[in-house]
Amino acid sequence: MSETYDVVFIGGGPGGYVGAIKAAQLGLKVACVEGRGALGGTCLNVGCIPSKALLHASHLAHEAETNFAAMGLNAGPLSVDVAKMLGFKESVIKSNTQGIEFLFKKNKVAYVKGWGSIAAPGSVKVKGEDGSETTLAAKNIVIATGSESTPLKGVTVDEKRVVTSTGALELPAVPKRLVVIGAGVIGLELGSVWKRLGSEVTVVEFLDHVTPGMDGEIQKQFQRSLEKQGIKFILGAAVSGVDASGADLKVNYTLRKDSSTASLDADVVLLAVGRRPYVSGLGLEAVGVALDERGRVKTDGHGRTNVPGIWAIGDVIAGPMLAHKAEEEGVSVAETLAGQKGHVNYDVIPGVIYTDPEVATVGKTEEQLKQEGRAYKVGKFAYVANGRAKAILATEGFVKVLADATTDRILGVHILGPQAGETIHEYCVAMEFGAAAEDVARTCHAHPTLSEALREAAMAAAFGKPIHS
């Protein structure tokens, strides 16, 4: 241990690399330990970024097959080169991960390749690919090791026929029949990719609805939208196992309503029942870092664990497992270590599902407000009444604004529709400043834009009615 770092981040995903860069920009001596061989974590390598590349490519294929003719575009029969599409995805990954390495050099962050563990408070042991071990001295250690796919009893993953999100991004050909276990964000996004490319997709979900935790009205219309695209759903079904002994995979399940059993044949099965914190091999028990009942690292809400000098951010702690949430926490911890007042507003963290139409949400759902007993009002506006949406043949969905019944303060916003993941941020900024629905309703929006639908929904909440419906 020839030198001591002010802070060592274990994990080079969105939380770790962003926190490391911010800490270095604030004048701290920083190292980031990553064993994957490339920076960016799950998100950039086998998650957010590659899945968006395939979602974009498959969306364009879907547009060519469904909407081009209506607009007078005669493209001829469409063919899909899966190998080339995967090559495009890899080029996107490489560009992003190399970009982070450049930023590390630019900001003088030490990139230490290998798997890190906490030998003791103030000491990080790094095991390299060649088996060599080095030790870094650190005044502070930040655990930013992310998450891994949650296993399911009776389902053995080989990442060839029975895959997690990692294997689903590497399928060499379009499977004829794809069964997705889990109707959450990952399952629906990747199911959409392969459905657009020609696969028969069936989603099996334990609960009686899709996208657990989202606004109920969004859930229902979102499911109907995906069903219109040809995705089949079996809800209220508990998967007991996947039989991989034959040429066809057999997904066995039990319906919760009557305990009847059934099975589905598949060529590929995608296991997408959630993710769990990745804390294995970090040495947390030996140094006394406390975990909660779900295996997450306990913190004080500002990143501090129960052990002085050890912090944790991102998927390993409580809260939504989102890359941007991890980034915010990384910046907050970096600012705190530099003597500033780091802070994360957990009430304004958007979530997006990048299907078509997209789903975007921020703040409270209607169900949460009812449970809290809070008086609220609702403003809605459908994209079918939006001029820009009509012009681009994307009229499915709506904007829903929830505001306090007395103060008109915006409490939550839920969008199902075109470019929802981009337009939601208007409301994120508004909520960060404590805006009322009337503030958005009285803000001039360019015409014709999809964002006008967001204003109209605010009018509906603030004034009781929009202009265009």
Protein backbone atom coordinates (compact mmCIF):
# COMPACT_ATOMS: atom_id res chain seq x y z
CA MET A 1 0.00 0.00 0.00
CA SER A 2 2.26 2.73 -1.33
CA GLU A 3 -0.42 5.42 -1.49
CA THR A 4 -3.70 6.24 0.19
CA TYR A 5 -6.81 7.26 -1.72
CA ASP A 6 -9.44 9.60 -0.35
CA VAL A 7 -12.05 7.23 -1.71
CA VAL A 8 -12.11 3.89 -3.53
CA PHE A 9 -15.26 2.88 -5.39
CA ILE A 10 -15.81 -0.87 -5.71
CA GLY A 11 -17.72 -1.25 -8.97
CA GLY A 12 -17.49 0.70 -12.22
CA GLY A 13 -21.18 0.83 -13.11
CA PRO A 14 -23.26 4.03 -13.35
CA GLY A 15 -23.09 4.69 -9.61
CA GLY A 16 -19.40 3.86 -9.23
CA TYR A 17 -17.97 5.57 -12.30
CA VAL A 18 -20.12 8.69 -11.98
CA GLY A 19 -19.33 8.98 -8.27
CA ALA A 20 -15.62 8.49 -8.96
CA ILE A 21 -15.54 11.19 -11.63
CA LYS A 22 -17.46 13.64 -9.46
CA ALA A 23 -15.20 12.98 -6.47
CA ALA A 24 -12.12 13.58 -8.62
CA GLN A 25 -13.63 16.81 -9.99
CA LEU A 26 -14.06 17.96 -6.39
CA GLY A 27 -10.36 17.49 -5.73
CA LEU A 28 -10.27 14.06 -4.09
CA LYS A 29 -7.78 11.32 -4.87
CA VAL A 30 -9.92 8.54 -6.33
CA ALA A 31 -9.67 4.94 -7.51
CA CYS A 32 -12.36 2.76 -9.06
CA VAL A 33 -12.08 -1.04 -8.94
CA GLU A 34 -13.87 -3.05 -11.64
CA GLY A 35 -13.45 -6.72 -12.50
CA ARG A 36 -15.67 -7.04 -15.57
CA GLY A 37 -12.89 -5.98 -17.96
CA ALA A 38 -14.90 -2.95 -19.10
CA LEU A 39 -16.37 0.00 -17.26
CA GLY A 40 -20.07 0.78 -17.26
CA GLY A 41 -21.37 -2.15 -15.23
CA THR A 42 -24.46 -4.15 -16.16
CA CYS A 43 -26.10 -1.03 -17.58
CA LEU A 44 -23.62 -0.29 -20.35
CA ASN A 45 -22.45 -3.85 -21.03
CA VAL A 46 -25.45 -6.18 -20.71
CA GLY A 47 -28.36 -3.98 -19.69
CA CYS A 48 -29.72 -0.50 -20.39
CA ILE A 49 -27.58 0.51 -23.35
CA PRO A 50 -27.48 -2.70 -25.44
CA SER A 51 -31.19 -3.31 -24.84
CA LYS A 52 -31.99 0.20 -26.08
CA ALA A 53 -29.91 -0.40 -29.20
CA LEU A 54 -31.95 -3.51 -29.99
CA LEU A 55 -35.23 -1.81 -29.02
CA HIS A 56 -34.45 1.02 -31.43
CA ALA A 57 -33.52 -1.33 -34.27
CA SER A 58 -36.59 -3.51 -33.76
CA HIS A 59 -38.82 -0.45 -33.48
CA LEU A 60 -37.62 0.75 -36.88
CA ALA A 61 -38.32 -2.70 -38.29
CA HIS A 62 -41.83 -2.56 -36.84
CA GLU A 63 -42.38 0.91 -38.30
CA ALA A 64 -41.26 -0.29 -41.72
CA GLU A 65 -43.69 -3.20 -41.59
CA THR A 66 -46.69 -1.34 -40.17
CA ASN A 67 -46.57 2.41 -40.87
CA PHE A 68 -44.38 3.01 -43.90
CA ALA A 69 -47.05 2.03 -46.42
CA ALA A 70 -49.59 4.33 -44.74
CA MET A 71 -47.19 7.24 -45.25
CA GLY A 72 -46.51 6.38 -48.89
CA LEU A 73 -43.12 4.79 -48.26
CA ASN A 74 -42.64 1.61 -50.26
CA ALA A 75 -39.60 -0.09 -48.81
CA GLY A 76 -40.19 -3.58 -50.14
CA PRO A 77 -39.99 -6.76 -48.06
CA LEU A 78 -37.96 -6.34 -44.88
CA SER A 79 -35.27 -8.80 -43.83
CA VAL A 80 -33.44 -8.94 -40.53
CA ASP A 81 -29.74 -9.73 -40.21
CA VAL A 82 -29.52 -10.68 -36.54
CA ALA A 83 -25.74 -11.03 -36.57
CA LYS A 84 -25.31 -7.53 -37.98
CA MET A 85 -27.84 -6.16 -35.50
CA LEU A 86 -25.85 -7.69 -32.64
CA GLY A 87 -22.71 -6.16 -34.15
CA PHE A 88 -24.39 -2.76 -34.09
CA LYS A 89 -25.26 -3.32 -30.43
CA GLU A 90 -21.64 -4.23 -29.62
CA SER A 91 -20.36 -1.09 -31.35
CA VAL A 92 -22.66 1.00 -29.15
CA ILE A 93 -21.38 -0.75 -26.03
CA LYS A 94 -17.73 -0.29 -27.03
CA SER A 95 -18.20 3.40 -27.76
CA ASN A 96 -19.76 4.02 -24.36
CA THR A 97 -17.33 1.98 -22.27
CA GLN A 98 -14.29 3.49 -23.99
CA GLY A 99 -15.80 6.90 -23.36
CA ILE A 100 -15.78 6.25 -19.62
CA GLU A 101 -12.12 5.20 -19.72
CA PHE A 102 -11.37 8.50 -21.45
CA LEU A 103 -13.24 10.39 -18.73
CA PHE A 104 -11.28 8.55 -16.04
CA LYS A 105 -8.00 9.63 -17.62
CA LYS A 106 -9.26 13.17 -18.13
CA ASN A 107 -10.28 13.48 -14.46
CA LYS A 108 -7.31 11.50 -13.07
CA VAL A 109 -9.36 8.63 -11.65
CA ALA A 110 -7.23 5.51 -11.12
CA TYR A 111 -8.87 2.58 -12.95
CA VAL A 112 -7.91 -0.60 -11.09
CA LYS A 113 -8.81 -3.78 -12.98
CA GLY A 114 -9.85 -6.71 -10.82
CA TRP A 115 -12.45 -7.87 -8.32
CA GLY A 116 -12.51 -5.82 -5.16
CA SER A 117 -13.36 -6.80 -1.60
CA ILE A 118 -13.08 -5.05 1.75
CA ALA A 119 -10.23 -6.56 3.74
CA ALA A 120 -10.84 -4.15 6.63
CA PRO A 121 -12.13 -0.60 7.04
CA GLY A 122 -9.73 1.50 4.99
CA SER A 123 -8.38 -1.43 3.00
CA VAL A 124 -9.56 -2.79 -0.38
CA LYS A 125 -8.13 -6.05 -1.70
CA VAL A 126 -8.11 -6.40 -5.50
CA LYS A 127 -7.78 -9.78 -7.19
CA GLY A 128 -6.67 -9.55 -10.81
CA GLU A 129 -7.58 -11.88 -13.67
CA ASP A 130 -4.15 -13.49 -13.38
CA GLY A 131 -4.75 -14.29 -9.70
CA SER A 132 -2.44 -11.60 -8.39
CA GLU A 133 -3.58 -9.56 -5.40
CA THR A 134 -2.97 -5.94 -4.52
CA THR A 135 -4.24 -3.81 -1.68
CA LEU A 136 -5.45 -0.22 -1.83
CA ALA A 137 -5.51 2.02 1.22
CA ALA A 138 -8.57 4.25 1.35
CA LYS A 139 -9.92 6.82 3.78
CA ASN A 140 -13.37 5.93 2.44
CA ILE A 141 -14.77 2.94 0.55
CA VAL A 142 -17.95 3.06 -1.54
CA ILE A 143 -19.75 -0.19 -2.36
CA ALA A 144 -21.21 0.19 -5.87
CA THR A 145 -21.37 -3.40 -7.07
CA GLY A 146 -24.88 -3.29 -8.52
CA SER A 147 -27.21 -6.25 -8.90
CA GLU A 148 -27.66 -9.61 -10.62
CA SER A 149 -30.61 -11.47 -12.07
CA THR A 150 -32.77 -13.10 -9.40
CA PRO A 151 -32.88 -16.90 -9.75
CA LEU A 152 -36.09 -18.95 -9.62
CA LYS A 153 -36.38 -22.40 -8.11
CA GLY A 154 -36.79 -25.04 -10.80
CA VAL A 155 -35.29 -22.87 -13.55
CA THR A 156 -31.67 -23.56 -14.52
CA VAL A 157 -30.12 -20.80 -16.61
CA ASP A 158 -27.58 -21.73 -19.28
CA GLU A 159 -27.72 -18.37 -21.18
CA LYS A 160 -28.34 -20.34 -24.40
CA ARG A 161 -31.89 -21.68 -24.24
CA VAL A 162 -32.86 -20.56 -20.74
CA VAL A 163 -31.54 -17.04 -20.48
CA THR A 164 -31.48 -13.96 -18.30
CA SER A 165 -31.36 -10.49 -19.80
CA THR A 166 -27.68 -11.13 -20.55
CA GLY A 167 -28.38 -14.10 -22.80
CA ALA A 168 -31.48 -12.48 -24.32
CA LEU A 169 -29.21 -9.79 -25.74
CA GLU A 170 -27.03 -12.41 -27.44
CA LEU A 171 -29.52 -14.75 -29.14
CA PRO A 172 -28.00 -15.65 -32.53
CA ALA A 173 -31.39 -16.00 -34.23
CA VAL A 174 -34.99 -15.01 -33.70
CA PRO A 175 -36.59 -17.75 -31.57
CA LYS A 176 -39.84 -19.12 -32.97
CA ARG A 177 -41.39 -19.27 -29.49
CA LEU A 178 -40.16 -17.15 -26.58
CA VAL A 179 -41.62 -17.51 -23.10
CA VAL A 180 -40.85 -14.68 -20.70
CA ILE A 181 -41.13 -15.38 -16.97
CA GLY A 182 -41.97 -12.05 -15.35
CA ALA A 183 -43.96 -9.06 -16.61
CA GLY A 184 -41.65 -6.37 -15.30
CA VAL A 185 -39.58 -3.82 -17.18
CA ILE A 186 -36.84 -6.18 -18.40
CA GLY A 187 -39.19 -8.94 -19.52
CA LEU A 188 -41.50 -6.62 -21.44
CA GLU A 189 -38.68 -4.67 -23.11
CA LEU A 190 -36.80 -7.74 -24.32
CA GLY A 191 -40.02 -9.55 -25.13
CA SER A 192 -40.93 -6.58 -27.34
CA VAL A 193 -37.60 -6.74 -29.16
CA TRP A 194 -38.00 -10.35 -30.21
CA LYS A 195 -41.75 -10.03 -30.90
CA ARG A 196 -41.09 -7.21 -33.37
CA LEU A 197 -38.48 -9.38 -35.08
CA GLY A 198 -40.91 -12.26 -35.53
CA SER A 199 -40.98 -14.35 -32.37
CA GLU A 200 -44.18 -15.67 -30.76
CA VAL A 201 -43.96 -14.20 -27.26
CA THR A 202 -45.88 -15.33 -24.17
CA VAL A 203 -45.35 -13.64 -20.81
CA VAL A 204 -46.08 -15.59 -17.61
CA GLU A 205 -46.50 -13.43 -14.49
CA PHE A 206 -47.13 -14.42 -10.86
CA LEU A 207 -49.21 -11.32 -10.11
CA ASP A 208 -52.54 -10.42 -11.69
CA HIS A 209 -51.11 -7.40 -13.53
CA VAL A 210 -48.03 -6.26 -15.41
CA THR A 211 -45.32 -3.81 -14.26
CA PRO A 212 -45.65 -4.16 -10.46
CA GLY A 213 -45.68 -0.85 -8.60
CA MET A 214 -46.85 1.32 -11.49
CA ASP A 215 -50.09 3.28 -11.67
CA GLY A 216 -53.01 0.87 -12.12
CA GLU A 217 -54.57 2.71 -15.03
CA ILE A 218 -51.24 2.68 -16.87
CA GLN A 219 -50.82 -1.04 -16.16
CA LYS A 220 -54.16 -1.96 -17.74
CA GLN A 221 -53.83 0.11 -20.89
CA PHE A 222 -50.16 -0.84 -21.30
CA GLN A 223 -51.06 -4.54 -21.22
CA ARG A 224 -53.83 -3.99 -23.77
CA SER A 225 -51.38 -2.17 -26.02
CA LEU A 226 -48.86 -5.03 -25.89
CA GLU A 227 -51.62 -7.57 -26.50
CA LYS A 228 -52.64 -5.69 -29.66
CA GLN A 229 -49.04 -6.11 -30.81
CA GLY A 230 -49.40 -9.87 -30.41
CA ILE A 231 -47.76 -10.49 -27.03
CA LYS A 232 -49.75 -13.02 -25.00
CA PHE A 233 -50.10 -12.87 -21.22
CA ILE A 234 -50.78 -15.55 -18.62
CA LEU A 235 -51.28 -13.71 -15.33
CA GLY A 236 -51.65 -15.07 -11.82
CA ALA A 237 -49.41 -18.00 -12.69
CA ALA A 238 -46.61 -19.43 -10.56
CA VAL A 239 -43.85 -21.06 -12.63
CA SER A 240 -42.74 -24.29 -10.97
CA GLY A 241 -39.93 -25.12 -13.35
CA VAL A 242 -38.53 -25.38 -16.86
CA ASP A 243 -37.91 -28.83 -18.30
CA ALA A 244 -34.96 -28.61 -20.68
CA SER A 245 -34.51 -32.34 -21.27
CA GLY A 246 -36.18 -32.43 -24.69
CA ALA A 247 -35.87 -30.64 -27.99
CA ASP A 248 -38.53 -28.20 -26.80
CA LEU A 249 -38.36 -26.42 -23.48
CA LYS A 250 -41.41 -26.93 -21.27
CA VAL A 251 -42.43 -24.15 -18.88
CA ASN A 252 -44.59 -25.61 -16.13
CA TYR A 253 -46.85 -23.35 -14.11
CA THR A 254 -49.78 -23.34 -11.67
CA LEU A 255 -52.66 -20.88 -11.89
CA ARG A 256 -53.18 -19.25 -8.51
CA LYS A 257 -56.95 -18.83 -8.90
CA ASP A 258 -57.75 -22.54 -9.03
CA SER A 259 -54.42 -24.37 -8.52
CA SER A 260 -54.70 -25.95 -11.97
CA THR A 261 -51.43 -26.82 -13.73
CA ALA A 262 -50.38 -26.33 -17.33
CA SER A 263 -47.27 -26.00 -19.48
CA LEU A 264 -45.98 -24.03 -22.45
CA ASP A 265 -43.55 -25.18 -25.13
CA ALA A 266 -40.74 -22.80 -26.01
CA ASP A 267 -37.53 -22.55 -27.98
CA VAL A 268 -36.10 -19.94 -25.59
CA VAL A 269 -37.14 -19.00 -22.06
CA LEU A 270 -36.25 -15.59 -20.61
CA LEU A 271 -36.11 -15.48 -16.80
CA ALA A 272 -36.90 -11.91 -15.76
CA VAL A 273 -38.39 -12.03 -12.27
CA GLY A 274 -36.28 -9.18 -10.92
CA ARG A 275 -32.79 -8.45 -9.70
CA ARG A 276 -31.04 -8.79 -6.35
CA PRO A 277 -28.09 -6.93 -4.80
CA TYR A 278 -24.68 -8.25 -5.77
CA VAL A 279 -22.76 -8.40 -2.49
CA SER A 280 -21.20 -11.85 -2.71
CA GLY A 281 -17.48 -11.97 -2.01
CA LEU A 282 -17.22 -8.38 -0.77
CA GLY A 283 -16.30 -9.39 2.78
CA LEU A 284 -19.12 -7.37 4.30
CA GLU A 285 -19.85 -9.83 7.09
CA ALA A 286 -16.22 -9.89 8.20
CA VAL A 287 -16.06 -6.11 8.56
CA GLY A 288 -19.52 -5.89 10.14
CA VAL A 289 -21.48 -4.07 7.41
CA ALA A 290 -25.17 -4.61 8.16
CA LEU A 291 -27.63 -5.95 5.58
CA ASP A 292 -31.42 -5.76 5.65
CA GLU A 293 -33.90 -8.63 5.34
CA ARG A 294 -33.65 -8.53 1.52
CA GLY A 295 -29.86 -8.72 1.45
CA ARG A 296 -29.39 -5.01 0.72
CA VAL A 297 -26.73 -2.92 2.44
CA LYS A 298 -28.28 -0.78 5.15
CA THR A 299 -27.56 2.96 4.96
CA ASP A 300 -28.70 6.07 6.78
CA GLY A 301 -30.41 7.46 3.67
CA HIS A 302 -27.28 9.38 2.69
CA GLY A 303 -25.05 6.45 1.74
CA ARG A 304 -23.39 5.81 5.12
CA THR A 305 -23.32 2.24 6.39
CA ASN A 306 -23.02 1.31 10.05
CA VAL A 307 -19.23 1.04 9.65
CA PRO A 308 -17.43 4.43 9.61
CA GLY A 309 -15.71 5.09 6.29
CA ILE A 310 -17.77 2.53 4.35
CA TRP A 311 -20.56 3.77 2.08
CA ALA A 312 -22.98 2.14 -0.34
CA ILE A 313 -24.94 3.33 -3.38
CA GLY A 314 -27.09 2.03 -6.25
CA ASP A 315 -28.70 -1.37 -6.56
CA VAL A 316 -27.04 -2.74 -3.41
CA ILE A 317 -29.16 -0.44 -1.20
CA ALA A 318 -32.90 0.18 -0.87
CA GLY A 319 -34.84 1.97 -3.60
CA PRO A 320 -35.52 1.47 -7.28
CA MET A 321 -32.81 -0.40 -9.17
CA LEU A 322 -32.22 2.32 -11.75
CA ALA A 323 -28.95 3.51 -13.25
CA HIS A 324 -29.83 7.17 -12.82
CA LYS A 325 -30.75 6.65 -9.17
CA ALA A 326 -27.30 5.12 -8.64
CA GLU A 327 -25.68 8.07 -10.43
CA GLU A 328 -27.46 10.56 -8.17
CA GLU A 329 -26.31 8.65 -5.11
CA GLY A 330 -22.74 8.50 -6.42
CA VAL A 331 -22.67 12.26 -6.89
CA SER A 332 -24.25 12.82 -3.47
CA VAL A 333 -21.67 10.68 -1.66
CA ALA A 334 -18.83 12.36 -3.58
CA GLU A 335 -20.11 15.79 -2.58
CA THR A 336 -20.46 14.73 1.06
CA LEU A 337 -16.90 13.36 1.12
CA ALA A 338 -15.68 16.68 -0.31
CA GLY A 339 -17.34 18.57 2.53
CA GLN A 340 -20.44 19.63 0.64
CA LYS A 341 -24.11 18.84 1.36
CA GLY A 342 -24.86 15.87 -0.86
CA HIS A 343 -28.55 15.13 -1.36
CA VAL A 344 -30.87 12.91 -3.41
CA ASN A 345 -34.55 13.75 -3.86
CA TYR A 346 -36.06 10.28 -3.88
CA ASP A 347 -39.50 11.72 -4.62
CA VAL A 348 -38.39 12.81 -8.10
CA ILE A 349 -36.74 9.80 -9.71
CA PRO A 350 -38.36 8.92 -13.04
CA GLY A 351 -38.80 5.40 -14.34
CA VAL A 352 -39.12 4.46 -18.01
CA ILE A 353 -40.08 1.35 -19.98
CA TYR A 354 -38.67 1.66 -23.51
CA THR A 355 -41.31 -0.32 -25.35
CA ASP A 356 -43.59 1.14 -28.01
CA PRO A 357 -45.48 3.01 -26.75
CA GLU A 358 -43.10 4.00 -23.98
CA VAL A 359 -44.11 4.25 -20.33
CA ALA A 360 -42.68 6.94 -18.07
CA THR A 361 -43.58 7.72 -14.49
CA VAL A 362 -42.45 9.99 -11.65
CA GLY A 363 -43.78 10.58 -8.17
CA LYS A 364 -46.85 9.05 -6.56
CA THR A 365 -49.32 6.68 -8.18
CA GLU A 366 -53.05 7.07 -7.69
CA GLU A 367 -53.04 3.91 -5.57
CA GLN A 368 -50.38 5.33 -3.26
CA LEU A 369 -52.31 8.57 -2.77
CA LYS A 370 -55.47 6.64 -1.92
CA GLN A 371 -53.55 4.52 0.57
CA GLU A 372 -52.12 7.67 2.18
CA GLY A 373 -55.58 9.19 2.39
CA ARG A 374 -54.41 12.30 0.56
CA ALA A 375 -56.97 14.38 -1.32
CA TYR A 376 -55.94 14.73 -4.96
CA LYS A 377 -57.25 15.60 -8.40
CA VAL A 378 -56.55 13.99 -11.75
CA GLY A 379 -55.91 15.54 -15.16
CA LYS A 380 -55.67 13.36 -18.27
CA PHE A 381 -55.12 13.94 -21.95
CA ALA A 382 -55.05 11.34 -24.72
CA TYR A 383 -52.48 11.43 -27.53
CA VAL A 384 -55.22 10.76 -30.06
CA ALA A 385 -56.09 14.47 -29.66
CA ASN A 386 -52.50 15.66 -30.17
CA GLY A 387 -51.64 16.99 -33.63
CA ARG A 388 -48.01 15.86 -33.65
CA ALA A 389 -48.95 12.37 -32.50
CA LYS A 390 -51.39 12.09 -35.39
CA ALA A 391 -48.71 13.23 -37.84
CA ILE A 392 -46.30 10.50 -36.75
CA LEU A 393 -48.95 7.74 -36.42
CA ALA A 394 -48.37 7.43 -32.66
CA THR A 395 -51.70 8.26 -31.06
CA GLU A 396 -51.87 5.44 -28.53
CA GLY A 397 -51.75 6.33 -24.84
CA PHE A 398 -52.30 9.27 -22.54
CA VAL A 399 -50.77 11.61 -19.98
CA LYS A 400 -52.02 11.51 -16.39
CA VAL A 401 -51.24 14.24 -13.85
CA LEU A 402 -51.95 13.88 -10.14
CA ALA A 403 -52.05 17.09 -8.11
CA ASP A 404 -52.90 18.01 -4.51
CA ALA A 405 -56.60 18.86 -4.27
CA THR A 406 -55.94 21.96 -2.15
CA THR A 407 -52.56 23.36 -3.20
CA ASP A 408 -52.49 22.08 -6.82
CA ARG A 409 -48.89 20.91 -6.24
CA ILE A 410 -47.90 18.15 -8.69
CA LEU A 411 -47.62 14.82 -6.86
CA GLY A 412 -47.14 12.34 -9.67
CA VAL A 413 -47.17 12.03 -13.46
CA HIS A 414 -47.71 8.89 -15.54
CA ILE A 415 -47.33 8.73 -19.31
CA LEU A 416 -48.09 5.98 -21.79
CA GLY A 417 -47.23 7.21 -25.24
CA PRO A 418 -44.64 8.26 -27.82
CA GLN A 419 -41.29 9.49 -26.46
CA ALA A 420 -42.61 9.33 -22.90
CA GLY A 421 -39.09 8.76 -21.58
CA GLU A 422 -37.96 12.09 -23.00
CA THR A 423 -41.02 14.23 -22.23
CA ILE A 424 -41.39 13.10 -18.58
CA HIS A 425 -38.49 15.34 -17.57
CA GLU A 426 -40.56 18.48 -17.98
CA TYR A 427 -42.47 17.28 -14.94
CA CYS A 428 -39.33 16.15 -13.10
CA VAL A 429 -38.02 19.73 -13.23
CA ALA A 430 -41.45 21.11 -12.29
CA MET A 431 -41.69 18.79 -9.26
CA GLU A 432 -38.12 19.58 -8.19
CA PHE A 433 -39.18 23.21 -7.92
CA GLY A 434 -42.46 22.34 -6.18
CA ALA A 435 -44.59 23.49 -9.12
CA ALA A 436 -48.36 23.37 -9.31
CA ALA A 437 -50.26 21.88 -12.23
CA GLU A 438 -51.29 25.44 -13.14
CA ASP A 439 -47.62 26.41 -13.56
CA VAL A 440 -47.24 23.84 -16.34
CA ALA A 441 -50.68 24.67 -17.75
CA ARG A 442 -49.71 28.35 -18.11
CA THR A 443 -46.31 27.65 -19.69
CA CYS A 444 -46.25 28.17 -23.47
CA HIS A 445 -45.37 24.99 -25.37
CA ALA A 446 -44.25 24.87 -28.99
CA HIS A 447 -46.78 23.64 -31.54
CA PRO A 448 -46.97 21.02 -32.86
CA THR A 449 -45.16 18.89 -30.27
CA LEU A 450 -45.89 15.81 -28.23
CA SER A 451 -45.14 17.91 -25.15
CA GLU A 452 -48.39 19.78 -25.69
CA ALA A 453 -50.15 16.68 -24.37
CA LEU A 454 -48.34 17.18 -21.07
CA ARG A 455 -49.57 20.75 -20.89
CA GLU A 456 -53.13 19.73 -21.73
CA ALA A 457 -53.10 17.15 -18.92
CA ALA A 458 -51.93 19.90 -16.55
CA MET A 459 -54.84 22.07 -17.76
CA ALA A 460 -57.21 19.21 -17.01
CA ALA A 461 -55.83 18.96 -13.47
CA ALA A 462 -55.63 22.70 -12.76
CA PHE A 463 -58.73 24.02 -14.57
CA GLY A 464 -60.91 20.93 -14.87
CA LYS A 465 -60.65 20.68 -18.65
CA PRO A 466 -58.04 20.84 -21.42
CA ILE A 467 -58.38 22.82 -24.66
CA HIS A 468 -58.25 20.07 -27.27
CA SER A 469 -60.54 17.42 -25.83
